[in-house]
Amino acid sequence: MGDWTPRELRFSNLGLRLISSAILIPLGLAAVWSGGWGLAVACAAAAGVMAWEWAHISGFVKPALLVVFAALTCLALPLGNMGIALGVILAGVVFAAIVAKGAWNHRGSAVFGLIYVTLMPVSLWLLREGPWDGRSAALYFMSFVWASDAAAYFTGRGLGGPRLLPKESPNKTWSGASGAVVACIVCGVAAADIQMVPFAVWIIAGIAISVVAQLGDLFESGLKRRFRVKDSGSILPGHGGVMDRVDGLGAVAFFAVLAFHVAPSLPDMLGLQA
């Protein structure tokens, strides 16, 4: 069955989304361009806000605890020793498990939330500062994710149609998901031309980026459904919370870093060698 929602209601929050994006995108680009401590501070800020949002979603009684450990983990990254960052997050996990009240599922929720909200910005920092052309990699992948999100929004709201996963995210449609993939294929063609590498490599990468970004979005939607909340927060008009905005990018950054380490030749194939 098609989507019979009036068109003006489908795009009712478009203005707010555009305003928020016009502010967030330049800030994100500037942080990634600078890298190092500048990006670490931006990641720490994002991690801290997301930790607060997670505490609100899950009912964790000491939100400041999650905020401090999430932010400190990101700030430890430029020190050049991953052991420090791992030590900080491990300490946070232990404290969160101790402080969480109630049954073990509450403790597990606190531990999972701290790792989840910290891993996303940490992955972006590792992608930017990795032993490849990190600036280009991060900027390309961010652009692909934004193109995927925008295409999914406009195609899905414009065409409507069958829902992708109604129980997890009732607003997402197959038309939106398809539009997102097509947009990233176009981005892949452009990236291959700029990097002067075979088109097939970047087209496959574009498809993978869109799929992973959408899965990251759906995963976060499923978490919100579990806790019966619509948005992770309200700090970003038109988008909800920071978690709602970076879930796809966080997933892409994590799997990109993983893929680049598992297949060291992949950056070279994409023209992203150091």
C-alpha atoms as a PDB file:
ATOM      1  CA  MET A   1       0.000   0.000   0.000  1.00  0.00           C
ATOM      2  CA  GLY A   2       1.294   3.458  -0.840  1.00  0.00           C
ATOM      3  CA  ASP A   3       1.951   6.297   1.579  1.00  0.00           C
ATOM      4  CA  TRP A   4      -1.094   8.585   1.650  1.00  0.00           C
ATOM      5  CA  THR A   5       0.385  11.086   4.104  1.00  0.00           C
ATOM      6  CA  PRO A   6      -0.172  14.614   2.728  1.00  0.00           C
ATOM      7  CA  ARG A   7       3.001  15.895   1.049  1.00  0.00           C
ATOM      8  CA  GLU A   8       3.128  19.024   3.226  1.00  0.00           C
ATOM      9  CA  LEU A   9       3.214  16.814   6.337  1.00  0.00           C
ATOM     10  CA  ARG A  10       5.907  14.557   4.925  1.00  0.00           C
ATOM     11  CA  PHE A  11       8.255  17.546   4.640  1.00  0.00           C
ATOM     12  CA  SER A  12       6.937  19.447   7.674  1.00  0.00           C
ATOM     13  CA  ASN A  13      10.320  19.583   9.423  1.00  0.00           C
ATOM     14  CA  LEU A  14      12.415  20.206   6.306  1.00  0.00           C
ATOM     15  CA  GLY A  15      13.207  23.817   7.201  1.00  0.00           C
ATOM     16  CA  LEU A  16      14.554  22.897  10.630  1.00  0.00           C
ATOM     17  CA  ARG A  17      16.597  20.047   9.163  1.00  0.00           C
ATOM     18  CA  LEU A  18      18.185  22.352   6.588  1.00  0.00           C
ATOM     19  CA  ILE A  19      19.063  24.977   9.199  1.00  0.00           C
ATOM     20  CA  SER A  20      20.618  22.399  11.512  1.00  0.00           C
ATOM     21  CA  SER A  21      22.556  20.846   8.626  1.00  0.00           C
ATOM     22  CA  ALA A  22      23.821  24.246   7.496  1.00  0.00           C
ATOM     23  CA  ILE A  23      25.385  24.680  10.941  1.00  0.00           C
ATOM     24  CA  LEU A  24      26.553  21.122  11.620  1.00  0.00           C
ATOM     25  CA  ILE A  25      28.118  20.248   8.264  1.00  0.00           C
ATOM     26  CA  PRO A  26      30.691  23.102   8.216  1.00  0.00           C
ATOM     27  CA  LEU A  27      31.589  22.374  11.850  1.00  0.00           C
ATOM     28  CA  GLY A  28      32.063  18.687  11.092  1.00  0.00           C
ATOM     29  CA  LEU A  29      34.143  19.407   8.005  1.00  0.00           C
ATOM     30  CA  ALA A  30      36.336  21.872   9.891  1.00  0.00           C
ATOM     31  CA  ALA A  31      36.959  19.395  12.725  1.00  0.00           C
ATOM     32  CA  VAL A  32      37.877  16.567  10.353  1.00  0.00           C
ATOM     33  CA  TRP A  33      40.040  18.861   8.214  1.00  0.00           C
ATOM     34  CA  SER A  34      42.048  19.957  11.247  1.00  0.00           C
ATOM     35  CA  GLY A  35      42.347  16.470  12.764  1.00  0.00           C
ATOM     36  CA  GLY A  36      44.476  15.935  15.855  1.00  0.00           C
ATOM     37  CA  TRP A  37      43.398  17.731  19.005  1.00  0.00           C
ATOM     38  CA  GLY A  38      40.755  19.775  17.193  1.00  0.00           C
ATOM     39  CA  LEU A  39      38.960  16.645  16.063  1.00  0.00           C
ATOM     40  CA  ALA A  40      39.503  14.990  19.445  1.00  0.00           C
ATOM     41  CA  VAL A  41      37.778  17.899  21.214  1.00  0.00           C
ATOM     42  CA  ALA A  42      34.869  17.752  18.751  1.00  0.00           C
ATOM     43  CA  CYS A  43      34.611  13.979  19.226  1.00  0.00           C
ATOM     44  CA  ALA A  44      34.717  14.425  23.011  1.00  0.00           C
ATOM     45  CA  ALA A  45      31.867  16.944  22.831  1.00  0.00           C
ATOM     46  CA  ALA A  46      29.779  14.629  20.648  1.00  0.00           C
ATOM     47  CA  ALA A  47      30.532  11.620  22.866  1.00  0.00           C
ATOM     48  CA  GLY A  48      29.592  13.577  25.981  1.00  0.00           C
ATOM     49  CA  VAL A  49      26.255  14.702  24.552  1.00  0.00           C
ATOM     50  CA  MET A  50      25.457  11.201  23.311  1.00  0.00           C
ATOM     51  CA  ALA A  51      26.342   9.741  26.709  1.00  0.00           C
ATOM     52  CA  TRP A  52      23.897  12.155  28.318  1.00  0.00           C
ATOM     53  CA  GLU A  53      21.264  11.175  25.756  1.00  0.00           C
ATOM     54  CA  TRP A  54      21.847   7.491  26.445  1.00  0.00           C
ATOM     55  CA  ALA A  55      21.465   8.048  30.177  1.00  0.00           C
ATOM     56  CA  HIS A  56      18.156   9.806  29.497  1.00  0.00           C
ATOM     57  CA  ILE A  57      16.959   7.036  27.184  1.00  0.00           C
ATOM     58  CA  SER A  58      17.972   4.126  29.396  1.00  0.00           C
ATOM     59  CA  GLY A  59      17.229   5.675  32.788  1.00  0.00           C
ATOM     60  CA  PHE A  60      20.829   5.572  34.034  1.00  0.00           C
ATOM     61  CA  VAL A  61      20.941   7.421  37.345  1.00  0.00           C
ATOM     62  CA  LYS A  62      24.364   9.080  36.995  1.00  0.00           C
ATOM     63  CA  PRO A  63      24.528  10.676  33.530  1.00  0.00           C
ATOM     64  CA  ALA A  64      27.578  12.782  34.418  1.00  0.00           C
ATOM     65  CA  LEU A  65      29.562   9.568  34.953  1.00  0.00           C
ATOM     66  CA  LEU A  66      28.927   8.405  31.390  1.00  0.00           C
ATOM     67  CA  VAL A  67      29.622  11.885  30.019  1.00  0.00           C
ATOM     68  CA  VAL A  68      33.002  12.177  31.750  1.00  0.00           C
ATOM     69  CA  PHE A  69      34.311   8.777  30.682  1.00  0.00           C
ATOM     70  CA  ALA A  70      33.042   9.083  27.090  1.00  0.00           C
ATOM     71  CA  ALA A  71      34.637  12.521  26.688  1.00  0.00           C
ATOM     72  CA  LEU A  72      37.919  11.563  28.377  1.00  0.00           C
ATOM     73  CA  THR A  73      38.290   8.520  26.120  1.00  0.00           C
ATOM     74  CA  CYS A  74      38.176  10.768  23.040  1.00  0.00           C
ATOM     75  CA  LEU A  75      40.546  13.310  24.577  1.00  0.00           C
ATOM     76  CA  ALA A  76      43.053  10.524  25.294  1.00  0.00           C
ATOM     77  CA  LEU A  77      43.340   9.617  21.601  1.00  0.00           C
ATOM     78  CA  PRO A  78      45.844  12.319  20.512  1.00  0.00           C
ATOM     79  CA  LEU A  79      48.236  11.234  23.258  1.00  0.00           C
ATOM     80  CA  GLY A  80      49.387   8.585  20.814  1.00  0.00           C
ATOM     81  CA  ASN A  81      48.775   5.571  23.006  1.00  0.00           C
ATOM     82  CA  MET A  82      45.574   3.633  22.472  1.00  0.00           C
ATOM     83  CA  GLY A  83      46.222   1.912  25.781  1.00  0.00           C
ATOM     84  CA  ILE A  84      45.324   5.138  27.611  1.00  0.00           C
ATOM     85  CA  ALA A  85      42.014   5.455  25.778  1.00  0.00           C
ATOM     86  CA  LEU A  86      41.231   1.782  26.353  1.00  0.00           C
ATOM     87  CA  GLY A  87      42.070   2.165  30.034  1.00  0.00           C
ATOM     88  CA  VAL A  88      39.722   5.142  30.384  1.00  0.00           C
ATOM     89  CA  ILE A  89      36.798   3.387  28.719  1.00  0.00           C
ATOM     90  CA  LEU A  90      37.446   0.209  30.716  1.00  0.00           C
ATOM     91  CA  ALA A  91      37.357   2.199  33.943  1.00  0.00           C
ATOM     92  CA  GLY A  92      34.124   3.825  32.780  1.00  0.00           C
ATOM     93  CA  VAL A  93      32.586   0.442  32.027  1.00  0.00           C
ATOM     94  CA  VAL A  94      33.471  -0.831  35.508  1.00  0.00           C
ATOM     95  CA  PHE A  95      32.086   2.270  37.226  1.00  0.00           C
ATOM     96  CA  ALA A  96      28.912   2.224  35.108  1.00  0.00           C
ATOM     97  CA  ALA A  97      28.292  -1.416  35.985  1.00  0.00           C
ATOM     98  CA  ILE A  98      28.756  -0.664  39.691  1.00  0.00           C
ATOM     99  CA  VAL A  99      26.630   2.485  39.762  1.00  0.00           C
ATOM    100  CA  ALA A 100      23.722   1.110  37.706  1.00  0.00           C
ATOM    101  CA  LYS A 101      20.849   0.121  39.968  1.00  0.00           C
ATOM    102  CA  GLY A 102      18.447  -2.753  39.543  1.00  0.00           C
ATOM    103  CA  ALA A 103      18.823  -6.060  37.754  1.00  0.00           C
ATOM    104  CA  TRP A 104      21.792  -7.073  35.622  1.00  0.00           C
ATOM    105  CA  ASN A 105      20.027  -5.901  32.472  1.00  0.00           C
ATOM    106  CA  HIS A 106      20.290  -2.345  33.799  1.00  0.00           C
ATOM    107  CA  ARG A 107      24.014  -2.778  34.333  1.00  0.00           C
ATOM    108  CA  GLY A 108      24.393  -4.287  30.887  1.00  0.00           C
ATOM    109  CA  SER A 109      22.481  -1.383  29.377  1.00  0.00           C
ATOM    110  CA  ALA A 110      24.788   1.140  31.062  1.00  0.00           C
ATOM    111  CA  VAL A 111      27.922  -0.690  29.906  1.00  0.00           C
ATOM    112  CA  PHE A 112      26.640  -1.157  26.360  1.00  0.00           C
ATOM    113  CA  GLY A 113      25.542   2.476  26.103  1.00  0.00           C
ATOM    114  CA  LEU A 114      28.916   3.840  27.199  1.00  0.00           C
ATOM    115  CA  ILE A 115      30.761   1.657  24.684  1.00  0.00           C
ATOM    116  CA  TYR A 116      28.269   2.426  21.904  1.00  0.00           C
ATOM    117  CA  VAL A 117      28.288   6.214  22.202  1.00  0.00           C
ATOM    118  CA  THR A 118      32.076   6.312  22.618  1.00  0.00           C
ATOM    119  CA  LEU A 119      32.922   3.928  19.803  1.00  0.00           C
ATOM    120  CA  MET A 120      31.302   6.097  17.123  1.00  0.00           C
ATOM    121  CA  PRO A 121      33.400   9.265  17.578  1.00  0.00           C
ATOM    122  CA  VAL A 122      36.515   7.205  18.401  1.00  0.00           C
ATOM    123  CA  SER A 123      36.095   5.370  15.080  1.00  0.00           C
ATOM    124  CA  LEU A 124      35.858   8.665  13.197  1.00  0.00           C
ATOM    125  CA  TRP A 125      39.070   9.882  14.871  1.00  0.00           C
ATOM    126  CA  LEU A 126      40.864   6.624  14.021  1.00  0.00           C
ATOM    127  CA  LEU A 127      39.681   6.860  10.410  1.00  0.00           C
ATOM    128  CA  ARG A 128      40.990  10.427  10.143  1.00  0.00           C
ATOM    129  CA  GLU A 129      44.323   9.685  11.847  1.00  0.00           C
ATOM    130  CA  GLY A 130      44.998   6.232  10.367  1.00  0.00           C
ATOM    131  CA  PRO A 131      48.081   5.188   8.331  1.00  0.00           C
ATOM    132  CA  TRP A 132      46.413   6.198   5.055  1.00  0.00           C
ATOM    133  CA  ASP A 133      45.178   9.485   3.618  1.00  0.00           C
ATOM    134  CA  GLY A 134      42.899   9.926   6.604  1.00  0.00           C
ATOM    135  CA  ARG A 135      41.685  13.411   5.779  1.00  0.00           C
ATOM    136  CA  SER A 136      40.465  12.379   2.330  1.00  0.00           C
ATOM    137  CA  ALA A 137      39.013   9.095   3.607  1.00  0.00           C
ATOM    138  CA  ALA A 138      37.042  10.780   6.382  1.00  0.00           C
ATOM    139  CA  LEU A 139      35.801  13.605   4.150  1.00  0.00           C
ATOM    140  CA  TYR A 140      34.745  11.222   1.385  1.00  0.00           C
ATOM    141  CA  PHE A 141      32.932   8.860   3.744  1.00  0.00           C
ATOM    142  CA  MET A 142      31.209  11.707   5.585  1.00  0.00           C
ATOM    143  CA  SER A 143      30.026  13.127   2.254  1.00  0.00           C
ATOM    144  CA  PHE A 144      28.732   9.736   1.158  1.00  0.00           C
ATOM    145  CA  VAL A 145      26.799   9.288   4.408  1.00  0.00           C
ATOM    146  CA  TRP A 146      25.260  12.758   4.115  1.00  0.00           C
ATOM    147  CA  ALA A 147      24.307  12.079   0.498  1.00  0.00           C
ATOM    148  CA  SER A 148      22.779   8.761   1.550  1.00  0.00           C
ATOM    149  CA  ASP A 149      20.787  10.405   4.355  1.00  0.00           C
ATOM    150  CA  ALA A 150      19.545  13.239   2.155  1.00  0.00           C
ATOM    151  CA  ALA A 151      18.560  10.934  -0.700  1.00  0.00           C
ATOM    152  CA  ALA A 152      16.778   8.568   1.685  1.00  0.00           C
ATOM    153  CA  TYR A 153      14.833  11.468   3.181  1.00  0.00           C
ATOM    154  CA  PHE A 154      13.732  13.106  -0.066  1.00  0.00           C
ATOM    155  CA  THR A 155      13.130   9.895  -2.009  1.00  0.00           C
ATOM    156  CA  GLY A 156      11.304   8.202   0.837  1.00  0.00           C
ATOM    157  CA  ARG A 157       9.152  11.189   1.704  1.00  0.00           C
ATOM    158  CA  GLY A 158       8.521  12.015  -1.945  1.00  0.00           C
ATOM    159  CA  LEU A 159       7.687   8.548  -3.262  1.00  0.00           C
ATOM    160  CA  GLY A 160       6.502   6.789  -0.112  1.00  0.00           C
ATOM    161  CA  GLY A 161       5.675   3.126  -0.599  1.00  0.00           C
ATOM    162  CA  PRO A 162       6.239  -0.023   1.492  1.00  0.00           C
ATOM    163  CA  ARG A 163       8.004   0.373   4.809  1.00  0.00           C
ATOM    164  CA  LEU A 164      11.509  -1.009   5.184  1.00  0.00           C
ATOM    165  CA  LEU A 165      11.224  -2.293   8.771  1.00  0.00           C
ATOM    166  CA  PRO A 166       7.933  -1.020  10.210  1.00  0.00           C
ATOM    167  CA  LYS A 167       8.521  -2.377  13.706  1.00  0.00           C
ATOM    168  CA  GLU A 168      11.956  -0.770  14.047  1.00  0.00           C
ATOM    169  CA  SER A 169      11.570   2.471  12.089  1.00  0.00           C
ATOM    170  CA  PRO A 170       8.087   3.121  10.674  1.00  0.00           C
ATOM    171  CA  ASN A 171       9.149   6.189   8.652  1.00  0.00           C
ATOM    172  CA  LYS A 172      11.763   4.424   6.513  1.00  0.00           C
ATOM    173  CA  THR A 173      10.715   3.036   3.151  1.00  0.00           C
ATOM    174  CA  TRP A 174      12.207   0.808   0.484  1.00  0.00           C
ATOM    175  CA  SER A 175      12.103   3.741  -1.925  1.00  0.00           C
ATOM    176  CA  GLY A 176      14.164   5.826   0.475  1.00  0.00           C
ATOM    177  CA  ALA A 177      16.682   3.009   0.970  1.00  0.00           C
ATOM    178  CA  SER A 178      17.016   2.540  -2.792  1.00  0.00           C
ATOM    179  CA  GLY A 179      17.416   6.265  -3.371  1.00  0.00           C
ATOM    180  CA  ALA A 180      20.176   6.356  -0.768  1.00  0.00           C
ATOM    181  CA  VAL A 181      22.100   3.580  -2.522  1.00  0.00           C
ATOM    182  CA  VAL A 182      21.733   5.258  -5.914  1.00  0.00           C
ATOM    183  CA  ALA A 183      23.016   8.540  -4.482  1.00  0.00           C
ATOM    184  CA  CYS A 184      26.119   6.807  -3.118  1.00  0.00           C
ATOM    185  CA  ILE A 185      26.728   5.096  -6.461  1.00  0.00           C
ATOM    186  CA  VAL A 186      26.783   8.541  -8.070  1.00  0.00           C
ATOM    187  CA  CYS A 187      29.159   9.727  -5.337  1.00  0.00           C
ATOM    188  CA  GLY A 188      31.330   6.681  -6.010  1.00  0.00           C
ATOM    189  CA  VAL A 189      31.601   7.545  -9.698  1.00  0.00           C
ATOM    190  CA  ALA A 190      32.638  11.096  -8.787  1.00  0.00           C
ATOM    191  CA  ALA A 191      35.183   9.909  -6.195  1.00  0.00           C
ATOM    192  CA  ALA A 192      36.716   7.416  -8.630  1.00  0.00           C
ATOM    193  CA  ASP A 193      37.114  10.157 -11.216  1.00  0.00           C
ATOM    194  CA  ILE A 194      38.761  12.486  -8.681  1.00  0.00           C
ATOM    195  CA  GLN A 195      41.089   9.795  -7.330  1.00  0.00           C
ATOM    196  CA  MET A 196      41.746   8.398 -10.824  1.00  0.00           C
ATOM    197  CA  VAL A 197      41.068   4.789  -9.904  1.00  0.00           C
ATOM    198  CA  PRO A 198      38.720   2.197 -11.465  1.00  0.00           C
ATOM    199  CA  PHE A 199      35.060   3.133 -11.092  1.00  0.00           C
ATOM    200  CA  ALA A 200      34.032  -0.319  -9.862  1.00  0.00           C
ATOM    201  CA  VAL A 201      36.024  -0.004  -6.627  1.00  0.00           C
ATOM    202  CA  TRP A 202      34.401   3.237  -5.527  1.00  0.00           C
ATOM    203  CA  ILE A 203      30.943   2.166  -6.734  1.00  0.00           C
ATOM    204  CA  ILE A 204      31.147  -0.941  -4.549  1.00  0.00           C
ATOM    205  CA  ALA A 205      32.448   1.216  -1.696  1.00  0.00           C
ATOM    206  CA  GLY A 206      29.565   3.644  -2.187  1.00  0.00           C
ATOM    207  CA  ILE A 207      26.984   0.874  -2.032  1.00  0.00           C
ATOM    208  CA  ALA A 208      28.640  -0.557   1.085  1.00  0.00           C
ATOM    209  CA  ILE A 209      28.755   2.859   2.762  1.00  0.00           C
ATOM    210  CA  SER A 210      25.058   3.489   2.127  1.00  0.00           C
ATOM    211  CA  VAL A 211      24.037   0.031   3.356  1.00  0.00           C
ATOM    212  CA  VAL A 212      26.164   0.282   6.504  1.00  0.00           C
ATOM    213  CA  ALA A 213      24.932   3.825   7.230  1.00  0.00           C
ATOM    214  CA  GLN A 214      21.314   2.712   6.911  1.00  0.00           C
ATOM    215  CA  LEU A 215      21.925  -0.344   9.093  1.00  0.00           C
ATOM    216  CA  GLY A 216      23.517   1.914  11.708  1.00  0.00           C
ATOM    217  CA  ASP A 217      20.456   4.129  11.577  1.00  0.00           C
ATOM    218  CA  LEU A 218      18.107   1.164  11.888  1.00  0.00           C
ATOM    219  CA  PHE A 219      20.139  -0.254  14.769  1.00  0.00           C
ATOM    220  CA  GLU A 220      19.812   2.991  16.714  1.00  0.00           C
ATOM    221  CA  SER A 221      16.101   3.121  15.880  1.00  0.00           C
ATOM    222  CA  GLY A 222      15.746  -0.360  17.323  1.00  0.00           C
ATOM    223  CA  LEU A 223      17.464   0.749  20.525  1.00  0.00           C
ATOM    224  CA  LYS A 224      15.039   3.664  20.872  1.00  0.00           C
ATOM    225  CA  ARG A 225      12.111   1.317  20.278  1.00  0.00           C
ATOM    226  CA  ARG A 226      13.379  -0.913  23.080  1.00  0.00           C
ATOM    227  CA  PHE A 227      13.255   2.028  25.472  1.00  0.00           C
ATOM    228  CA  ARG A 228      10.040   3.417  23.952  1.00  0.00           C
ATOM    229  CA  VAL A 229      11.384   6.819  22.905  1.00  0.00           C
ATOM    230  CA  LYS A 230      11.030   8.544  19.536  1.00  0.00           C
ATOM    231  CA  ASP A 231      14.246  10.603  19.501  1.00  0.00           C
ATOM    232  CA  SER A 232      17.448  10.348  21.492  1.00  0.00           C
ATOM    233  CA  GLY A 233      17.167  14.036  22.366  1.00  0.00           C
ATOM    234  CA  SER A 234      16.058  17.436  21.105  1.00  0.00           C
ATOM    235  CA  ILE A 235      19.326  19.354  20.852  1.00  0.00           C
ATOM    236  CA  LEU A 236      19.255  19.370  17.026  1.00  0.00           C
ATOM    237  CA  PRO A 237      16.029  20.895  15.641  1.00  0.00           C
ATOM    238  CA  GLY A 238      14.542  18.721  12.926  1.00  0.00           C
ATOM    239  CA  HIS A 239      16.900  15.813  13.663  1.00  0.00           C
ATOM    240  CA  GLY A 240      16.377  15.000  17.341  1.00  0.00           C
ATOM    241  CA  GLY A 241      19.510  14.185  19.295  1.00  0.00           C
ATOM    242  CA  VAL A 242      23.168  13.812  18.374  1.00  0.00           C
ATOM    243  CA  MET A 243      22.788  10.028  18.366  1.00  0.00           C
ATOM    244  CA  ASP A 244      20.039  10.399  15.778  1.00  0.00           C
ATOM    245  CA  ARG A 245      22.394  12.401  13.580  1.00  0.00           C
ATOM    246  CA  VAL A 246      25.638  10.416  13.758  1.00  0.00           C
ATOM    247  CA  ASP A 247      24.448   6.807  14.041  1.00  0.00           C
ATOM    248  CA  GLY A 248      25.041   6.099  10.349  1.00  0.00           C
ATOM    249  CA  LEU A 249      28.385   7.910  10.195  1.00  0.00           C
ATOM    250  CA  GLY A 250      29.569   6.167  13.351  1.00  0.00           C
ATOM    251  CA  ALA A 251      28.778   2.763  11.873  1.00  0.00           C
ATOM    252  CA  VAL A 252      30.537   3.630   8.604  1.00  0.00           C
ATOM    253  CA  ALA A 253      33.634   4.943  10.396  1.00  0.00           C
ATOM    254  CA  PHE A 254      33.847   1.820  12.568  1.00  0.00           C
ATOM    255  CA  PHE A 255      33.565  -0.636   9.680  1.00  0.00           C
ATOM    256  CA  ALA A 256      35.865   1.455   7.473  1.00  0.00           C
ATOM    257  CA  VAL A 257      38.647   1.353  10.082  1.00  0.00           C
ATOM    258  CA  LEU A 258      38.062  -2.368  10.530  1.00  0.00           C
ATOM    259  CA  ALA A 259      38.119  -2.990   6.763  1.00  0.00           C
ATOM    260  CA  PHE A 260      41.268  -0.903   6.254  1.00  0.00           C
ATOM    261  CA  HIS A 261      43.116  -2.920   8.897  1.00  0.00           C
ATOM    262  CA  VAL A 262      41.830  -6.313   7.753  1.00  0.00           C
ATOM    263  CA  ALA A 263      42.559  -5.478   4.075  1.00  0.00           C
ATOM    264  CA  PRO A 264      45.576  -3.113   4.092  1.00  0.00           C
ATOM    265  CA  SER A 265      45.492  -2.863   0.289  1.00  0.00           C
ATOM    266  CA  LEU A 266      41.985  -1.363   0.298  1.00  0.00           C
ATOM    267  CA  PRO A 267      43.088   2.282   0.828  1.00  0.00           C
ATOM    268  CA  ASP A 268      45.466   1.929  -2.119  1.00  0.00           C
ATOM    269  CA  MET A 269      42.671   0.521  -4.301  1.00  0.00           C
ATOM    270  CA  LEU A 270      40.566   3.572  -3.425  1.00  0.00           C
ATOM    271  CA  GLY A 271      43.445   5.952  -4.116  1.00  0.00           C
ATOM    272  CA  LEU A 272      43.679   6.801  -0.422  1.00  0.00           C
ATOM    273  CA  GLN A 273      47.257   5.745   0.189  1.00  0.00           C
ATOM    274  CA  ALA A 274      49.254   7.936   2.586  1.00  0.00           C
END
